[in-house]
């Protein structure tokens, strides 16, 4: 084996160790969860938002051409949201600004991720997977407010 080949193999091995270490650091020290696909639950056809504990909520969100349901969600500051996402028609994307959320909405599957809303504000979400002619209109928002007693979705507003 040539000296340059040995150097290349050594550097590539070190890079693998560094990347694995970075993933473990993100998972343990920064408490970053990896999105999961849930296979033992039937996809839902209607969106729901309900409280599961103090400052903990479950949001079942449905993506369909060309809207998310619900498109507006109001929650109190400090909310932890268990987000379940599915699609009724084609593949859609889902990204929340200023949060580490990037999910795919796939027909027949449910994707899950926990989102923490620790500061007040309006956080937009949008489809990031081209889904047709009105793709640019597929967006919504989380409104996080101080002193909000009950969570609300667009149907309640």
Protein backbone atom coordinates (compact mmCIF):
# COMPACT_ATOMS: atom_id res chain seq x y z
CA UNK A 1 0.00 0.00 0.00
CA UNK A 2 1.29 3.42 -0.99
CA UNK A 3 2.01 6.10 1.66
CA UNK A 4 -0.65 8.46 0.22
CA UNK A 5 -3.24 5.64 0.35
CA UNK A 6 -2.45 5.02 4.03
CA UNK A 7 -2.88 8.74 4.75
CA UNK A 8 -6.22 8.80 2.87
CA UNK A 9 -7.53 5.74 4.77
CA UNK A 10 -6.40 7.19 8.10
CA UNK A 11 -8.01 10.58 7.43
CA UNK A 12 -11.29 9.02 6.27
CA UNK A 13 -11.39 6.85 9.41
CA UNK A 14 -10.77 9.90 11.59
CA UNK A 15 -13.53 11.79 9.79
CA UNK A 16 -15.99 8.97 10.54
CA UNK A 17 -15.05 9.12 14.22
CA UNK A 18 -15.49 12.94 14.27
CA UNK A 19 -18.92 12.75 12.57
CA UNK A 20 -20.09 10.00 14.93
CA UNK A 21 -18.88 12.07 17.89
CA UNK A 22 -20.78 15.11 16.59
CA UNK A 23 -23.99 13.09 16.28
CA UNK A 24 -23.61 11.71 19.80
CA UNK A 25 -22.89 15.21 21.17
CA UNK A 26 -26.03 16.58 19.47
CA UNK A 27 -28.16 13.71 20.77
CA UNK A 28 -26.89 13.69 24.36
CA UNK A 29 -25.59 17.15 25.25
CA UNK A 30 -27.99 19.25 23.13
CA UNK A 31 -30.98 16.88 23.53
CA UNK A 32 -31.74 16.90 19.80
CA UNK A 33 -34.18 14.20 18.72
CA UNK A 34 -34.13 12.53 15.36
CA UNK A 35 -37.55 12.48 13.62
CA UNK A 36 -39.19 9.09 13.61
CA UNK A 37 -41.75 7.39 11.42
CA UNK A 38 -44.58 5.70 13.32
CA UNK A 39 -45.81 2.53 11.67
CA UNK A 40 -48.23 1.15 14.28
CA UNK A 41 -50.74 4.02 14.06
CA UNK A 42 -53.27 4.55 11.28
CA UNK A 43 -52.93 7.91 9.50
CA UNK A 44 -55.55 10.37 10.69
CA UNK A 45 -57.77 12.38 8.39
CA UNK A 46 -58.62 15.27 10.67
CA UNK A 47 -56.32 17.58 12.58
CA UNK A 48 -56.56 17.79 16.36
CA UNK A 49 -54.79 19.68 19.12
CA UNK A 50 -55.17 18.65 22.73
CA UNK A 51 -53.34 19.02 26.02
CA UNK A 52 -51.65 15.89 27.37
CA UNK A 53 -50.06 17.39 30.49
CA UNK A 54 -48.90 20.66 31.99
CA UNK A 55 -47.39 22.66 29.11
CA UNK A 56 -47.46 19.52 26.91
CA UNK A 57 -49.65 19.24 23.83
CA UNK A 58 -50.26 16.80 21.01
CA UNK A 59 -50.85 18.20 17.54
CA UNK A 60 -52.01 15.94 14.74
CA UNK A 61 -51.41 17.90 11.54
CA UNK A 62 -52.63 16.93 8.08
CA UNK A 63 -50.96 18.17 4.89
CA UNK A 64 -52.98 18.23 1.69
CA UNK A 65 -52.83 20.17 -1.55
CA UNK A 66 -52.20 23.11 -0.83
CA UNK A 67 -52.69 23.64 2.87
CA UNK A 68 -51.79 22.43 6.32
CA UNK A 69 -54.62 21.75 8.71
CA UNK A 70 -54.56 23.50 11.09
CA UNK A 71 -52.82 26.45 9.47
CA UNK A 72 -52.77 28.59 12.64
CA UNK A 73 -52.01 27.30 16.13
CA UNK A 74 -51.92 29.45 19.29
CA UNK A 75 -50.00 28.11 22.28
CA UNK A 76 -48.63 29.48 25.55
CA UNK A 77 -44.90 30.15 26.01
CA UNK A 78 -43.07 27.08 27.31
CA UNK A 79 -45.20 24.61 25.35
CA UNK A 80 -43.82 21.23 24.39
CA UNK A 81 -45.65 19.96 21.31
CA UNK A 82 -45.67 16.35 20.18
CA UNK A 83 -46.16 16.92 16.47
CA UNK A 84 -47.62 14.09 14.38
CA UNK A 85 -47.65 14.81 10.65
CA UNK A 86 -49.23 12.95 7.74
CA UNK A 87 -50.39 13.69 4.21
CA UNK A 88 -53.61 12.77 2.45
CA UNK A 89 -52.46 13.10 -1.14
CA UNK A 90 -48.79 13.51 -2.11
CA UNK A 91 -45.44 14.08 -0.40
CA UNK A 92 -45.12 17.46 1.31
CA UNK A 93 -42.36 19.01 3.41
CA UNK A 94 -42.73 20.79 6.75
CA UNK A 95 -40.26 23.30 8.20
CA UNK A 96 -40.72 25.70 11.13
CA UNK A 97 -38.61 28.85 11.08
CA UNK A 98 -36.20 29.39 14.00
CA UNK A 99 -36.69 25.77 15.12
CA UNK A 100 -34.83 22.61 14.26
CA UNK A 101 -37.86 21.03 12.57
CA UNK A 102 -37.74 19.51 9.11
CA UNK A 103 -40.24 16.71 8.43
CA UNK A 104 -41.70 15.01 5.40
CA UNK A 105 -45.46 14.43 5.20
CA UNK A 106 -45.89 11.13 3.39
CA UNK A 107 -49.24 9.55 2.47
CA UNK A 108 -49.91 6.46 4.58
CA UNK A 109 -47.18 7.28 7.13
CA UNK A 110 -46.97 9.41 10.26
CA UNK A 111 -43.84 11.33 11.20
CA UNK A 112 -43.24 12.48 14.77
CA UNK A 113 -41.07 15.10 16.42
CA UNK A 114 -41.25 17.03 19.71
CA UNK A 115 -41.00 20.83 19.39
CA UNK A 116 -40.33 23.22 22.28
CA UNK A 117 -41.65 26.79 22.04
CA UNK A 118 -39.72 28.64 24.76
CA UNK A 119 -40.06 32.22 23.56
CA UNK A 120 -43.05 34.27 22.47
CA UNK A 121 -43.50 35.18 18.85
CA UNK A 122 -44.97 34.14 15.54
CA UNK A 123 -43.18 31.23 13.88
CA UNK A 124 -44.07 30.50 10.29
CA UNK A 125 -44.08 27.02 8.84
CA UNK A 126 -44.13 26.09 5.18
CA UNK A 127 -43.97 23.23 2.74
CA UNK A 128 -40.45 22.87 1.37
CA UNK A 129 -41.16 20.05 -1.09
CA UNK A 130 -42.59 21.19 -4.43
CA UNK A 131 -46.16 19.84 -4.51
CA UNK A 132 -47.82 21.51 -7.47
CA UNK A 133 -49.15 24.77 -8.84
CA UNK A 134 -50.14 26.40 -5.52
CA UNK A 135 -47.13 25.12 -3.53
CA UNK A 136 -46.15 28.70 -2.64
CA UNK A 137 -49.41 29.15 -0.68
CA UNK A 138 -48.85 26.12 1.57
CA UNK A 139 -47.87 27.79 4.83
CA UNK A 140 -49.12 28.55 8.32
CA UNK A 141 -47.99 29.83 11.70
CA UNK A 142 -47.54 29.05 15.35
CA UNK A 143 -48.43 32.00 17.56
CA UNK A 144 -46.75 31.65 20.95
CA UNK A 145 -48.14 34.05 23.56
CA UNK A 146 -47.58 34.93 27.20
CA UNK A 147 -50.57 34.28 29.47
CA UNK A 148 -52.61 32.20 27.01
CA UNK A 149 -54.92 29.87 28.96
CA UNK A 150 -56.19 27.52 26.29
CA UNK A 151 -54.49 26.45 23.06
CA UNK A 152 -56.39 27.29 19.87
CA UNK A 153 -56.34 26.23 16.24
CA UNK A 154 -57.74 28.11 13.25
CA UNK A 155 -61.20 26.59 13.80
CA UNK A 156 -61.35 28.15 17.28
CA UNK A 157 -60.16 31.60 16.21
